Amino acid sequence: MELGAFSISLAVADIRVSKAFYEKLGFSEFGGDIEQNWLIMKNGEHVIGLFQGMFDKNILTFNPGWDQDASERADFTDIREIQRRLKASGIDLIEEADESGSGPASLTIVDPDGNPILIDQHR
């Protein structure tokens, strides 16, 4: 099962302070809108999202259909297929994608240690 691009979405207290910190680590702005309190930053293949006031915990994020540069992949596992496989393997879903739909959708699961995992398909 191909989950797509990986990043970590960080719940930050002050997006400008966090942006400056990660820039010192070699990350640069890749996407987002600081005025809307979210940024995507990249250092080589490593991608982090900075999100101020949008959620309580850091989230592991996968994007089916994207590579690490947010470019569309020709072949990928659709989120609805991922969801079916997760359910079949006994993983409980916190939020589900509409299985009758197509295109963009998301689902959320939680690992055994309470870490949220977002699978977010944009196409």
PDB file of N, CA and C in Angstrom:
ATOM      1  N   MET A   1       0.867  -1.167   0.000  1.00  0.00           N
ATOM      2  CA  MET A   1       0.000   0.000   0.000  1.00  0.00           C
ATOM      3  C   MET A   1       0.912   1.228   0.000  1.00  0.00           C
ATOM      4  N   GLU A   2       0.782   2.042  -1.003  1.00  0.00           N
ATOM      5  CA  GLU A   2       1.579   3.264  -1.153  1.00  0.00           C
ATOM      6  C   GLU A   2       0.819   4.417  -0.508  1.00  0.00           C
ATOM      7  N   LEU A   3       1.427   5.046   0.506  1.00  0.00           N
ATOM      8  CA  LEU A   3       0.776   6.135   1.229  1.00  0.00           C
ATOM      9  C   LEU A   3       1.093   7.517   0.672  1.00  0.00           C
ATOM     10  N   GLY A   4       2.065   7.625  -0.233  1.00  0.00           N
ATOM     11  CA  GLY A   4       2.403   8.907  -0.833  1.00  0.00           C
ATOM     12  C   GLY A   4       3.427   9.674  -0.028  1.00  0.00           C
ATOM     13  N   ALA A   5       3.483  10.971  -0.271  1.00  0.00           N
ATOM     14  CA  ALA A   5       4.462  11.845   0.375  1.00  0.00           C
ATOM     15  C   ALA A   5       4.257  11.844   1.883  1.00  0.00           C
ATOM     16  N   PHE A   6       5.356  11.953   2.610  1.00  0.00           N
ATOM     17  CA  PHE A   6       5.297  11.998   4.070  1.00  0.00           C
ATOM     18  C   PHE A   6       5.780  13.352   4.579  1.00  0.00           C
ATOM     19  N   SER A   7       5.098  13.844   5.596  1.00  0.00           N
ATOM     20  CA  SER A   7       5.553  15.038   6.316  1.00  0.00           C
ATOM     21  C   SER A   7       5.043  14.950   7.740  1.00  0.00           C
ATOM     22  N   ILE A   8       5.555  15.796   8.564  1.00  0.00           N
ATOM     23  CA  ILE A   8       5.010  15.924   9.910  1.00  0.00           C
ATOM     24  C   ILE A   8       4.397  17.308  10.013  1.00  0.00           C
ATOM     25  N   SER A   9       3.187  17.352  10.521  1.00  0.00           N
ATOM     26  CA  SER A   9       2.473  18.613  10.706  1.00  0.00           C
ATOM     27  C   SER A   9       2.615  18.999  12.172  1.00  0.00           C
ATOM     28  N   LEU A  10       3.292  20.107  12.418  1.00  0.00           N
ATOM     29  CA  LEU A  10       3.585  20.530  13.780  1.00  0.00           C
ATOM     30  C   LEU A  10       2.596  21.585  14.261  1.00  0.00           C
ATOM     31  N   ALA A  11       2.022  21.350  15.426  1.00  0.00           N
ATOM     32  CA  ALA A  11       1.161  22.328  16.077  1.00  0.00           C
ATOM     33  C   ALA A  11       2.086  23.298  16.807  1.00  0.00           C
ATOM     34  N   VAL A  12       2.213  24.512  16.295  1.00  0.00           N
ATOM     35  CA  VAL A  12       3.170  25.476  16.844  1.00  0.00           C
ATOM     36  C   VAL A  12       2.459  26.600  17.583  1.00  0.00           C
ATOM     37  N   ALA A  13       3.164  27.173  18.571  1.00  0.00           N
ATOM     38  CA  ALA A  13       2.608  28.268  19.361  1.00  0.00           C
ATOM     39  C   ALA A  13       2.711  29.606  18.633  1.00  0.00           C
ATOM     40  N   ASP A  14       3.815  29.816  17.912  1.00  0.00           N
ATOM     41  CA  ASP A  14       4.043  31.076  17.201  1.00  0.00           C
ATOM     42  C   ASP A  14       4.698  30.737  15.868  1.00  0.00           C
ATOM     43  N   ILE A  15       3.942  30.855  14.797  1.00  0.00           N
ATOM     44  CA  ILE A  15       4.423  30.409  13.489  1.00  0.00           C
ATOM     45  C   ILE A  15       5.661  31.177  13.025  1.00  0.00           C
ATOM     46  N   ARG A  16       5.750  32.436  13.345  1.00  0.00           N
ATOM     47  CA  ARG A  16       6.918  33.215  12.916  1.00  0.00           C
ATOM     48  C   ARG A  16       8.190  32.776  13.658  1.00  0.00           C
ATOM     49  N   VAL A  17       8.070  32.502  14.935  1.00  0.00           N
ATOM     50  CA  VAL A  17       9.204  32.008  15.716  1.00  0.00           C
ATOM     51  C   VAL A  17       9.624  30.626  15.202  1.00  0.00           C
ATOM     52  N   SER A  18       8.640  29.765  14.946  1.00  0.00           N
ATOM     53  CA  SER A  18       8.947  28.425  14.441  1.00  0.00           C
ATOM     54  C   SER A  18       9.571  28.482  13.056  1.00  0.00           C
ATOM     55  N   LYS A  19       9.058  29.353  12.196  1.00  0.00           N
ATOM     56  CA  LYS A  19       9.626  29.510  10.851  1.00  0.00           C
ATOM     57  C   LYS A  19      11.098  29.905  10.949  1.00  0.00           C
ATOM     58  N   ALA A  20      11.400  30.886  11.772  1.00  0.00           N
ATOM     59  CA  ALA A  20      12.783  31.345  11.939  1.00  0.00           C
ATOM     60  C   ALA A  20      13.672  30.221  12.472  1.00  0.00           C
ATOM     61  N   PHE A  21      13.172  29.441  13.415  1.00  0.00           N
ATOM     62  CA  PHE A  21      13.940  28.331  13.965  1.00  0.00           C
ATOM     63  C   PHE A  21      14.266  27.301  12.884  1.00  0.00           C
ATOM     64  N   TYR A  22      13.259  26.876  12.126  1.00  0.00           N
ATOM     65  CA  TYR A  22      13.486  25.841  11.109  1.00  0.00           C
ATOM     66  C   TYR A  22      14.329  26.357   9.946  1.00  0.00           C
ATOM     67  N   GLU A  23      14.271  27.656   9.673  1.00  0.00           N
ATOM     68  CA  GLU A  23      15.169  28.218   8.664  1.00  0.00           C
ATOM     69  C   GLU A  23      16.627  28.074   9.107  1.00  0.00           C
ATOM     70  N   LYS A  24      16.893  28.219  10.398  1.00  0.00           N
ATOM     71  CA  LYS A  24      18.254  28.031  10.917  1.00  0.00           C
ATOM     72  C   LYS A  24      18.725  26.589  10.758  1.00  0.00           C
ATOM     73  N   LEU A  25      17.769  25.646  10.658  1.00  0.00           N
ATOM     74  CA  LEU A  25      18.101  24.236  10.422  1.00  0.00           C
ATOM     75  C   LEU A  25      18.212  23.916   8.932  1.00  0.00           C
ATOM     76  N   GLY A  26      18.029  24.920   8.086  1.00  0.00           N
ATOM     77  CA  GLY A  26      18.167  24.729   6.651  1.00  0.00           C
ATOM     78  C   GLY A  26      16.865  24.530   5.898  1.00  0.00           C
ATOM     79  N   PHE A  27      15.728  24.663   6.566  1.00  0.00           N
ATOM     80  CA  PHE A  27      14.439  24.551   5.886  1.00  0.00           C
ATOM     81  C   PHE A  27      14.108  25.874   5.211  1.00  0.00           C
ATOM     82  N   SER A  28      13.391  25.795   4.086  1.00  0.00           N
ATOM     83  CA  SER A  28      12.919  27.007   3.419  1.00  0.00           C
ATOM     84  C   SER A  28      11.435  26.856   3.116  1.00  0.00           C
ATOM     85  N   GLU A  29      10.783  27.988   2.982  1.00  0.00           N
ATOM     86  CA  GLU A  29       9.341  27.989   2.723  1.00  0.00           C
ATOM     87  C   GLU A  29       9.058  27.331   1.377  1.00  0.00           C
ATOM     88  N   PHE A  30       8.103  26.422   1.377  1.00  0.00           N
ATOM     89  CA  PHE A  30       7.758  25.647   0.186  1.00  0.00           C
ATOM     90  C   PHE A  30       6.311  25.899  -0.245  1.00  0.00           C
ATOM     91  N   GLY A  31       5.469  26.257   0.700  1.00  0.00           N
ATOM     92  CA  GLY A  31       4.058  26.500   0.405  1.00  0.00           C
ATOM     93  C   GLY A  31       3.363  27.036   1.635  1.00  0.00           C
ATOM     94  N   GLY A  32       2.083  27.312   1.482  1.00  0.00           N
ATOM     95  CA  GLY A  32       1.294  27.787   2.605  1.00  0.00           C
ATOM     96  C   GLY A  32       1.115  29.286   2.601  1.00  0.00           C
ATOM     97  N   ASP A  33       0.623  29.812   3.719  1.00  0.00           N
ATOM     98  CA  ASP A  33       0.341  31.236   3.851  1.00  0.00           C
ATOM     99  C   ASP A  33       0.510  31.619   5.318  1.00  0.00           C
ATOM    100  N   ILE A  34       1.584  32.315   5.629  1.00  0.00           N
ATOM    101  CA  ILE A  34       1.864  32.680   7.021  1.00  0.00           C
ATOM    102  C   ILE A  34       0.747  33.550   7.603  1.00  0.00           C
ATOM    103  N   GLU A  35       0.072  34.328   6.782  1.00  0.00           N
ATOM    104  CA  GLU A  35      -1.032  35.166   7.264  1.00  0.00           C
ATOM    105  C   GLU A  35      -2.239  34.317   7.672  1.00  0.00           C
ATOM    106  N   GLN A  36      -2.334  33.106   7.139  1.00  0.00           N
ATOM    107  CA  GLN A  36      -3.390  32.171   7.533  1.00  0.00           C
ATOM    108  C   GLN A  36      -2.891  31.190   8.587  1.00  0.00           C
ATOM    109  N   ASN A  37      -1.685  31.422   9.096  1.00  0.00           N
ATOM    110  CA  ASN A  37      -1.075  30.630  10.169  1.00  0.00           C
ATOM    111  C   ASN A  37      -0.721  29.204   9.774  1.00  0.00           C
ATOM    112  N   TRP A  38      -0.308  29.005   8.518  1.00  0.00           N
ATOM    113  CA  TRP A  38       0.218  27.696   8.130  1.00  0.00           C
ATOM    114  C   TRP A  38       1.273  27.847   7.043  1.00  0.00           C
ATOM    115  N   LEU A  39       2.326  27.047   7.164  1.00  0.00           N
ATOM    116  CA  LEU A  39       3.413  27.031   6.189  1.00  0.00           C
ATOM    117  C   LEU A  39       3.872  25.601   5.977  1.00  0.00           C
ATOM    118  N   ILE A  40       4.332  25.308   4.777  1.00  0.00           N
ATOM    119  CA  ILE A  40       5.013  24.055   4.474  1.00  0.00           C
ATOM    120  C   ILE A  40       6.466  24.435   4.224  1.00  0.00           C
ATOM    121  N   MET A  41       7.372  23.722   4.883  1.00  0.00           N
ATOM    122  CA  MET A  41       8.796  24.014   4.753  1.00  0.00           C
ATOM    123  C   MET A  41       9.528  22.748   4.347  1.00  0.00           C
ATOM    124  N   LYS A  42      10.638  22.935   3.621  1.00  0.00           N
ATOM    125  CA  LYS A  42      11.344  21.802   3.066  1.00  0.00           C
ATOM    126  C   LYS A  42      12.843  21.966   3.228  1.00  0.00           C
ATOM    127  N   ASN A  43      13.506  20.854   3.498  1.00  0.00           N
ATOM    128  CA  ASN A  43      14.956  20.772   3.553  1.00  0.00           C
ATOM    129  C   ASN A  43      15.313  19.479   2.838  1.00  0.00           C
ATOM    130  N   GLY A  44      15.760  19.568   1.586  1.00  0.00           N
ATOM    131  CA  GLY A  44      15.993  18.361   0.792  1.00  0.00           C
ATOM    132  C   GLY A  44      14.675  17.633   0.589  1.00  0.00           C
ATOM    133  N   GLU A  45      14.620  16.368   0.952  1.00  0.00           N
ATOM    134  CA  GLU A  45      13.392  15.574   0.840  1.00  0.00           C
ATOM    135  C   GLU A  45      12.512  15.674   2.086  1.00  0.00           C
ATOM    136  N   HIS A  46      12.997  16.361   3.128  1.00  0.00           N
ATOM    137  CA  HIS A  46      12.279  16.438   4.397  1.00  0.00           C
ATOM    138  C   HIS A  46      11.263  17.575   4.357  1.00  0.00           C
ATOM    139  N   VAL A  47      10.023  17.256   4.702  1.00  0.00           N
ATOM    140  CA  VAL A  47       8.933  18.230   4.650  1.00  0.00           C
ATOM    141  C   VAL A  47       8.276  18.318   6.020  1.00  0.00           C
ATOM    142  N   ILE A  48       8.097  19.551   6.492  1.00  0.00           N
ATOM    143  CA  ILE A  48       7.346  19.792   7.718  1.00  0.00           C
ATOM    144  C   ILE A  48       6.280  20.840   7.425  1.00  0.00           C
ATOM    145  N   GLY A  49       5.178  20.727   8.129  1.00  0.00           N
ATOM    146  CA  GLY A  49       4.145  21.754   8.084  1.00  0.00           C
ATOM    147  C   GLY A  49       4.103  22.438   9.434  1.00  0.00           C
ATOM    148  N   LEU A  50       3.988  23.743   9.435  1.00  0.00           N
ATOM    149  CA  LEU A  50       3.839  24.524  10.662  1.00  0.00           C
ATOM    150  C   LEU A  50       2.420  25.058  10.693  1.00  0.00           C
ATOM    151  N   PHE A  51       1.686  24.738  11.751  1.00  0.00           N
ATOM    152  CA  PHE A  51       0.277  25.107  11.851  1.00  0.00           C
ATOM    153  C   PHE A  51       0.011  25.731  13.214  1.00  0.00           C
ATOM    154  N   GLN A  52      -0.331  26.992  13.226  1.00  0.00           N
ATOM    155  CA  GLN A  52      -0.626  27.702  14.474  1.00  0.00           C
ATOM    156  C   GLN A  52      -2.125  27.756  14.695  1.00  0.00           C
ATOM    157  N   GLY A  53      -2.578  27.207  15.818  1.00  0.00           N
ATOM    158  CA  GLY A  53      -3.990  27.298  16.205  1.00  0.00           C
ATOM    159  C   GLY A  53      -4.932  26.415  15.416  1.00  0.00           C
ATOM    160  N   MET A  54      -4.436  25.433  14.702  1.00  0.00           N
ATOM    161  CA  MET A  54      -5.306  24.602  13.867  1.00  0.00           C
ATOM    162  C   MET A  54      -5.606  23.228  14.464  1.00  0.00           C
ATOM    163  N   PHE A  55      -4.705  22.717  15.283  1.00  0.00           N
ATOM    164  CA  PHE A  55      -4.938  21.440  15.952  1.00  0.00           C
ATOM    165  C   PHE A  55      -4.072  21.352  17.198  1.00  0.00           C
ATOM    166  N   ASP A  56      -4.387  20.384  18.060  1.00  0.00           N
ATOM    167  CA  ASP A  56      -3.757  20.294  19.372  1.00  0.00           C
ATOM    168  C   ASP A  56      -2.444  19.527  19.399  1.00  0.00           C
ATOM    169  N   LYS A  57      -2.298  18.536  18.528  1.00  0.00           N
ATOM    170  CA  LYS A  57      -1.132  17.665  18.560  1.00  0.00           C
ATOM    171  C   LYS A  57      -0.409  17.697  17.225  1.00  0.00           C
ATOM    172  N   ASN A  58       0.847  17.289  17.259  1.00  0.00           N
ATOM    173  CA  ASN A  58       1.572  17.061  16.014  1.00  0.00           C
ATOM    174  C   ASN A  58       0.940  15.872  15.307  1.00  0.00           C
ATOM    175  N   ILE A  59       0.967  15.886  13.981  1.00  0.00           N
ATOM    176  CA  ILE A  59       0.304  14.847  13.196  1.00  0.00           C
ATOM    177  C   ILE A  59       1.259  14.323  12.131  1.00  0.00           C
ATOM    178  N   LEU A  60       1.371  12.995  12.048  1.00  0.00           N
ATOM    179  CA  LEU A  60       2.073  12.377  10.922  1.00  0.00           C
ATOM    180  C   LEU A  60       1.140  12.475   9.726  1.00  0.00           C
ATOM    181  N   THR A  61       1.636  12.949   8.592  1.00  0.00           N
ATOM    182  CA  THR A  61       0.784  13.192   7.438  1.00  0.00           C
ATOM    183  C   THR A  61       1.313  12.470   6.206  1.00  0.00           C
ATOM    184  N   PHE A  62       0.414  11.804   5.492  1.00  0.00           N
ATOM    185  CA  PHE A  62       0.729  11.159   4.224  1.00  0.00           C
ATOM    186  C   PHE A  62      -0.207  11.714   3.158  1.00  0.00           C
ATOM    187  N   ASN A  63       0.318  11.921   1.950  1.00  0.00           N
ATOM    188  CA  ASN A  63      -0.479  12.464   0.847  1.00  0.00           C
ATOM    189  C   ASN A  63      -0.440  11.528  -0.352  1.00  0.00           C
ATOM    190  N   PRO A  64      -1.432  10.621  -0.454  1.00  0.00           N
ATOM    191  CA  PRO A  64      -1.488   9.756  -1.636  1.00  0.00           C
ATOM    192  C   PRO A  64      -1.573  10.593  -2.910  1.00  0.00           C
ATOM    193  N   GLY A  65      -0.866  10.160  -3.939  1.00  0.00           N
ATOM    194  CA  GLY A  65      -0.899  10.862  -5.219  1.00  0.00           C
ATOM    195  C   GLY A  65       0.168  11.920  -5.370  1.00  0.00           C
ATOM    196  N   TRP A  66       0.924  12.189  -4.311  1.00  0.00           N
ATOM    197  CA  TRP A  66       1.990  13.186  -4.363  1.00  0.00           C
ATOM    198  C   TRP A  66       3.332  12.545  -4.073  1.00  0.00           C
ATOM    199  N   ASP A  67       4.391  13.117  -4.659  1.00  0.00           N
ATOM    200  CA  ASP A  67       5.750  12.764  -4.253  1.00  0.00           C
ATOM    201  C   ASP A  67       6.216  13.814  -3.249  1.00  0.00           C
ATOM    202  N   GLN A  68       7.453  13.743  -2.789  1.00  0.00           N
ATOM    203  CA  GLN A  68       7.944  14.649  -1.752  1.00  0.00           C
ATOM    204  C   GLN A  68       8.043  16.105  -2.213  1.00  0.00           C
ATOM    205  N   ASP A  69       7.896  16.358  -3.541  1.00  0.00           N
ATOM    206  CA  ASP A  69       7.893  17.728  -4.052  1.00  0.00           C
ATOM    207  C   ASP A  69       6.483  18.247  -4.306  1.00  0.00           C
ATOM    208  N   ALA A  70       5.464  17.499  -3.819  1.00  0.00           N
ATOM    209  CA  ALA A  70       4.056  17.833  -4.031  1.00  0.00           C
ATOM    210  C   ALA A  70       3.692  17.798  -5.510  1.00  0.00           C
ATOM    211  N   SER A  71       4.441  16.994  -6.276  1.00  0.00           N
ATOM    212  CA  SER A  71       4.115  16.768  -7.679  1.00  0.00           C
ATOM    213  C   SER A  71       3.237  15.532  -7.780  1.00  0.00           C
ATOM    214  N   GLU A  72       2.300  15.566  -8.706  1.00  0.00           N
ATOM    215  CA  GLU A  72       1.392  14.433  -8.864  1.00  0.00           C
ATOM    216  C   GLU A  72       2.125  13.204  -9.381  1.00  0.00           C
ATOM    217  N   ARG A  73       1.791  12.066  -8.798  1.00  0.00           N
ATOM    218  CA  ARG A  73       2.306  10.783  -9.258  1.00  0.00           C
ATOM    219  C   ARG A  73       1.270  10.156 -10.181  1.00  0.00           C
ATOM    220  N   ALA A  74       1.730   9.527 -11.249  1.00  0.00           N
ATOM    221  CA  ALA A  74       0.817   8.895 -12.203  1.00  0.00           C
ATOM    222  C   ALA A  74       0.080   7.724 -11.571  1.00  0.00           C
ATOM    223  N   ASP A  75       0.798   6.920 -10.805  1.00  0.00           N
ATOM    224  CA  ASP A  75       0.163   5.769 -10.178  1.00  0.00           C
ATOM    225  C   ASP A  75       0.247   5.911  -8.664  1.00  0.00           C
ATOM    226  N   PHE A  76      -0.861   5.671  -8.004  1.00  0.00           N
ATOM    227  CA  PHE A  76      -0.902   5.748  -6.551  1.00  0.00           C
ATOM    228  C   PHE A  76      -2.111   4.969  -6.048  1.00  0.00           C
ATOM    229  N   THR A  77      -2.073   4.629  -4.770  1.00  0.00           N
ATOM    230  CA  THR A  77      -3.197   3.937  -4.148  1.00  0.00           C
ATOM    231  C   THR A  77      -4.201   4.977  -3.678  1.00  0.00           C
ATOM    232  N   ASP A  78      -5.422   4.909  -4.209  1.00  0.00           N
ATOM    233  CA  ASP A  78      -6.473   5.859  -3.834  1.00  0.00           C
ATOM    234  C   ASP A  78      -6.804   5.704  -2.347  1.00  0.00           C
ATOM    235  N   ILE A  79      -7.142   6.807  -1.716  1.00  0.00           N
ATOM    236  CA  ILE A  79      -7.422   6.812  -0.287  1.00  0.00           C
ATOM    237  C   ILE A  79      -8.547   5.847   0.093  1.00  0.00           C
ATOM    238  N   ARG A  80      -9.509   5.650  -0.799  1.00  0.00           N
ATOM    239  CA  ARG A  80     -10.603   4.739  -0.482  1.00  0.00           C
ATOM    240  C   ARG A  80     -10.111   3.292  -0.406  1.00  0.00           C
ATOM    241  N   GLU A  81      -9.143   2.946  -1.257  1.00  0.00           N
ATOM    242  CA  GLU A  81      -8.530   1.619  -1.197  1.00  0.00           C
ATOM    243  C   GLU A  81      -7.693   1.488   0.070  1.00  0.00           C
ATOM    244  N   ILE A  82      -6.955   2.524   0.416  1.00  0.00           N
ATOM    245  CA  ILE A  82      -6.184   2.521   1.664  1.00  0.00           C
ATOM    246  C   ILE A  82      -7.130   2.303   2.838  1.00  0.00           C
ATOM    247  N   GLN A  83      -8.244   3.023   2.837  1.00  0.00           N
ATOM    248  CA  GLN A  83      -9.228   2.906   3.915  1.00  0.00           C
ATOM    249  C   GLN A  83      -9.767   1.484   4.014  1.00  0.00           C
ATOM    250  N   ARG A  84     -10.105   0.876   2.892  1.00  0.00           N
ATOM    251  CA  ARG A  84     -10.611  -0.505   2.908  1.00  0.00           C
ATOM    252  C   ARG A  84      -9.574  -1.452   3.503  1.00  0.00           C
ATOM    253  N   ARG A  85      -8.312  -1.267   3.123  1.00  0.00           N
ATOM    254  CA  ARG A  85      -7.241  -2.134   3.640  1.00  0.00           C
ATOM    255  C   ARG A  85      -7.028  -1.932   5.135  1.00  0.00           C
ATOM    256  N   LEU A  86      -7.085  -0.690   5.585  1.00  0.00           N
ATOM    257  CA  LEU A  86      -6.925  -0.421   7.013  1.00  0.00           C
ATOM    258  C   LEU A  86      -8.043  -1.081   7.816  1.00  0.00           C
ATOM    259  N   LYS A  87      -9.279  -0.912   7.352  1.00  0.00           N
ATOM    260  CA  LYS A  87     -10.416  -1.523   8.037  1.00  0.00           C
ATOM    261  C   LYS A  87     -10.288  -3.048   8.052  1.00  0.00           C
ATOM    262  N   ALA A  88      -9.888  -3.616   6.925  1.00  0.00           N
ATOM    263  CA  ALA A  88      -9.748  -5.076   6.831  1.00  0.00           C
ATOM    264  C   ALA A  88      -8.668  -5.601   7.778  1.00  0.00           C
ATOM    265  N   SER A  89      -7.681  -4.764   8.073  1.00  0.00           N
ATOM    266  CA  SER A  89      -6.609  -5.191   8.977  1.00  0.00           C
ATOM    267  C   SER A  89      -6.942  -4.908  10.446  1.00  0.00           C
ATOM    268  N   GLY A  90      -8.129  -4.366  10.704  1.00  0.00           N
ATOM    269  CA  GLY A  90      -8.575  -4.142  12.070  1.00  0.00           C
ATOM    270  C   GLY A  90      -8.208  -2.803  12.670  1.00  0.00           C
ATOM    271  N   ILE A  91      -7.756  -1.857  11.854  1.00  0.00           N
ATOM    272  CA  ILE A  91      -7.415  -0.521  12.358  1.00  0.00           C
ATOM    273  C   ILE A  91      -8.686   0.326  12.423  1.00  0.00           C
ATOM    274  N   ASP A  92      -8.916   0.920  13.588  1.00  0.00           N
ATOM    275  CA  ASP A  92     -10.070   1.802  13.773  1.00  0.00           C
ATOM    276  C   ASP A  92      -9.787   3.160  13.162  1.00  0.00           C
ATOM    277  N   LEU A  93     -10.769   3.698  12.450  1.00  0.00           N
ATOM    278  CA  LEU A  93     -10.641   5.015  11.847  1.00  0.00           C
ATOM    279  C   LEU A  93     -11.358   6.042  12.716  1.00  0.00           C
ATOM    280  N   ILE A  94     -10.695   7.162  12.962  1.00  0.00           N
ATOM    281  CA  ILE A  94     -11.288   8.254  13.731  1.00  0.00           C
ATOM    282  C   ILE A  94     -12.174   9.102  12.818  1.00  0.00           C
ATOM    283  N   GLU A  95     -11.677   9.369  11.618  1.00  0.00           N
ATOM    284  CA  GLU A  95     -12.443  10.058  10.572  1.00  0.00           C
ATOM    285  C   GLU A  95     -12.281   9.251   9.305  1.00  0.00           C
ATOM    286  N   GLU A  96     -13.356   9.137   8.519  1.00  0.00           N
ATOM    287  CA  GLU A  96     -13.322   8.319   7.314  1.00  0.00           C
ATOM    288  C   GLU A  96     -13.575   9.134   6.063  1.00  0.00           C
ATOM    289  N   ALA A  97     -13.036   8.640   4.955  1.00  0.00           N
ATOM    290  CA  ALA A  97     -13.333   9.194   3.632  1.00  0.00           C
ATOM    291  C   ALA A  97     -14.655   8.599   3.157  1.00  0.00           C
ATOM    292  N   ASP A  98     -15.391   9.350   2.362  1.00  0.00           N
ATOM    293  CA  ASP A  98     -16.627   8.850   1.759  1.00  0.00           C
ATOM    294  C   ASP A  98     -16.255   7.836   0.689  1.00  0.00           C
ATOM    295  N   GLU A  99     -16.554   6.576   0.929  1.00  0.00           N
ATOM    296  CA  GLU A  99     -16.148   5.520   0.001  1.00  0.00           C
ATOM    297  C   GLU A  99     -16.890   5.570  -1.325  1.00  0.00           C
ATOM    298  N   SER A 100     -18.000   6.293  -1.394  1.00  0.00           N
ATOM    299  CA  SER A 100     -18.734   6.382  -2.656  1.00  0.00           C
ATOM    300  C   SER A 100     -18.218   7.518  -3.532  1.00  0.00           C
ATOM    301  N   GLY A 101     -17.318   8.331  -2.988  1.00  0.00           N
ATOM    302  CA  GLY A 101     -16.810   9.485  -3.719  1.00  0.00           C
ATOM    303  C   GLY A 101     -15.574   9.159  -4.534  1.00  0.00           C
ATOM    304  N   SER A 102     -14.977  10.205  -5.076  1.00  0.00           N
ATOM    305  CA  SER A 102     -13.709  10.096  -5.794  1.00  0.00           C
ATOM    306  C   SER A 102     -12.967  11.409  -5.610  1.00  0.00           C
ATOM    307  N   GLY A 103     -11.688  11.394  -5.930  1.00  0.00           N
ATOM    308  CA  GLY A 103     -10.892  12.613  -5.813  1.00  0.00           C
ATOM    309  C   GLY A 103     -10.474  12.899  -4.393  1.00  0.00           C
ATOM    310  N   PRO A 104     -10.327  14.191  -4.049  1.00  0.00           N
ATOM    311  CA  PRO A 104      -9.811  14.573  -2.739  1.00  0.00           C
ATOM    312  C   PRO A 104     -10.648  14.010  -1.583  1.00  0.00           C
ATOM    313  N   ALA A 105      -9.942  13.546  -0.557  1.00  0.00           N
ATOM    314  CA  ALA A 105     -10.589  13.026   0.652  1.00  0.00           C
ATOM    315  C   ALA A 105      -9.508  12.802   1.702  1.00  0.00           C
ATOM    316  N   SER A 106      -9.931  12.600   2.937  1.00  0.00           N
ATOM    317  CA  SER A 106      -8.965  12.328   3.992  1.00  0.00           C
ATOM    318  C   SER A 106      -9.549  11.355   4.999  1.00  0.00           C
ATOM    319  N   LEU A 107      -8.643  10.762   5.766  1.00  0.00           N
ATOM    320  CA  LEU A 107      -9.025   9.903   6.874  1.00  0.00           C
ATOM    321  C   LEU A 107      -8.010  10.097   7.978  1.00  0.00           C
ATOM    322  N   THR A 108      -8.406   9.764   9.197  1.00  0.00           N
ATOM    323  CA  THR A 108      -7.515   9.892  10.348  1.00  0.00           C
ATOM    324  C   THR A 108      -7.555   8.612  11.163  1.00  0.00           C
ATOM    325  N   ILE A 109      -6.366   8.169  11.566  1.00  0.00           N
ATOM    326  CA  ILE A 109      -6.223   7.042  12.474  1.00  0.00           C
ATOM    327  C   ILE A 109      -5.311   7.495  13.611  1.00  0.00           C
ATOM    328  N   VAL A 110      -5.201   6.685  14.644  1.00  0.00           N
ATOM    329  CA  VAL A 110      -4.319   6.980  15.763  1.00  0.00           C
ATOM    330  C   VAL A 110      -3.479   5.746  16.024  1.00  0.00           C
ATOM    331  N   ASP A 111      -2.160   5.941  16.181  1.00  0.00           N
ATOM    332  CA  ASP A 111      -1.294   4.788  16.440  1.00  0.00           C
ATOM    333  C   ASP A 111      -1.432   4.349  17.899  1.00  0.00           C
ATOM    334  N   PRO A 112      -0.831   3.223  18.271  1.00  0.00           N
ATOM    335  CA  PRO A 112      -1.004   2.695  19.628  1.00  0.00           C
ATOM    336  C   PRO A 112      -0.535   3.637  20.739  1.00  0.00           C
ATOM    337  N   ASP A 113       0.306   4.628  20.416  1.00  0.00           N
ATOM    338  CA  ASP A 113       0.787   5.573  21.412  1.00  0.00           C
ATOM    339  C   ASP A 113       0.011   6.890  21.416  1.00  0.00           C
ATOM    340  N   GLY A 114      -1.071   6.941  20.659  1.00  0.00           N
ATOM    341  CA  GLY A 114      -1.908   8.137  20.649  1.00  0.00           C
ATOM    342  C   GLY A 114      -1.515   9.192  19.642  1.00  0.00           C
ATOM    343  N   ASN A 115      -0.577   8.861  18.732  1.00  0.00           N
ATOM    344  CA  ASN A 115      -0.161   9.825  17.711  1.00  0.00           C
ATOM    345  C   ASN A 115      -1.144   9.820  16.553  1.00  0.00           C
ATOM    346  N   PRO A 116      -1.729  10.962  16.222  1.00  0.00           N
ATOM    347  CA  PRO A 116      -2.644  11.011  15.089  1.00  0.00           C
ATOM    348  C   PRO A 116      -1.891  10.882  13.766  1.00  0.00           C
ATOM    349  N   ILE A 117      -2.526  10.176  12.836  1.00  0.00           N
ATOM    350  CA  ILE A 117      -1.996  10.015  11.483  1.00  0.00           C
ATOM    351  C   ILE A 117      -3.087  10.450  10.514  1.00  0.00           C
ATOM    352  N   LEU A 118      -2.762  11.441   9.707  1.00  0.00           N
ATOM    353  CA  LEU A 118      -3.690  11.962   8.700  1.00  0.00           C
ATOM    354  C   LEU A 118      -3.244  11.447   7.333  1.00  0.00           C
ATOM    355  N   ILE A 119      -4.172  10.849   6.617  1.00  0.00           N
ATOM    356  CA  ILE A 119      -3.935  10.476   5.225  1.00  0.00           C
ATOM    357  C   ILE A 119      -4.840  11.378   4.412  1.00  0.00           C
ATOM    358  N   ASP A 120      -4.215  12.280   3.645  1.00  0.00           N
ATOM    359  CA  ASP A 120      -4.923  13.404   3.031  1.00  0.00           C
ATOM    360  C   ASP A 120      -4.611  13.440   1.537  1.00  0.00           C
ATOM    361  N   GLN A 121      -5.581  13.006   0.742  1.00  0.00           N
ATOM    362  CA  GLN A 121      -5.417  12.948  -0.722  1.00  0.00           C
ATOM    363  C   GLN A 121      -5.964  14.225  -1.326  1.00  0.00           C
ATOM    364  N   HIS A 122      -5.161  14.895  -2.148  1.00  0.00           N
ATOM    365  CA  HIS A 122      -5.553  16.184  -2.716  1.00  0.00           C
ATOM    366  C   HIS A 122      -6.073  16.118  -4.150  1.00  0.00           C
ATOM    367  N   ARG A 123      -6.053  14.942  -4.750  1.00  0.00           N
ATOM    368  CA  ARG A 123      -6.527  14.858  -6.145  1.00  0.00           C
ATOM    369  C   ARG A 123      -7.379  13.638  -6.378  1.00  0.00           C
TER     370      ARG A 123
END
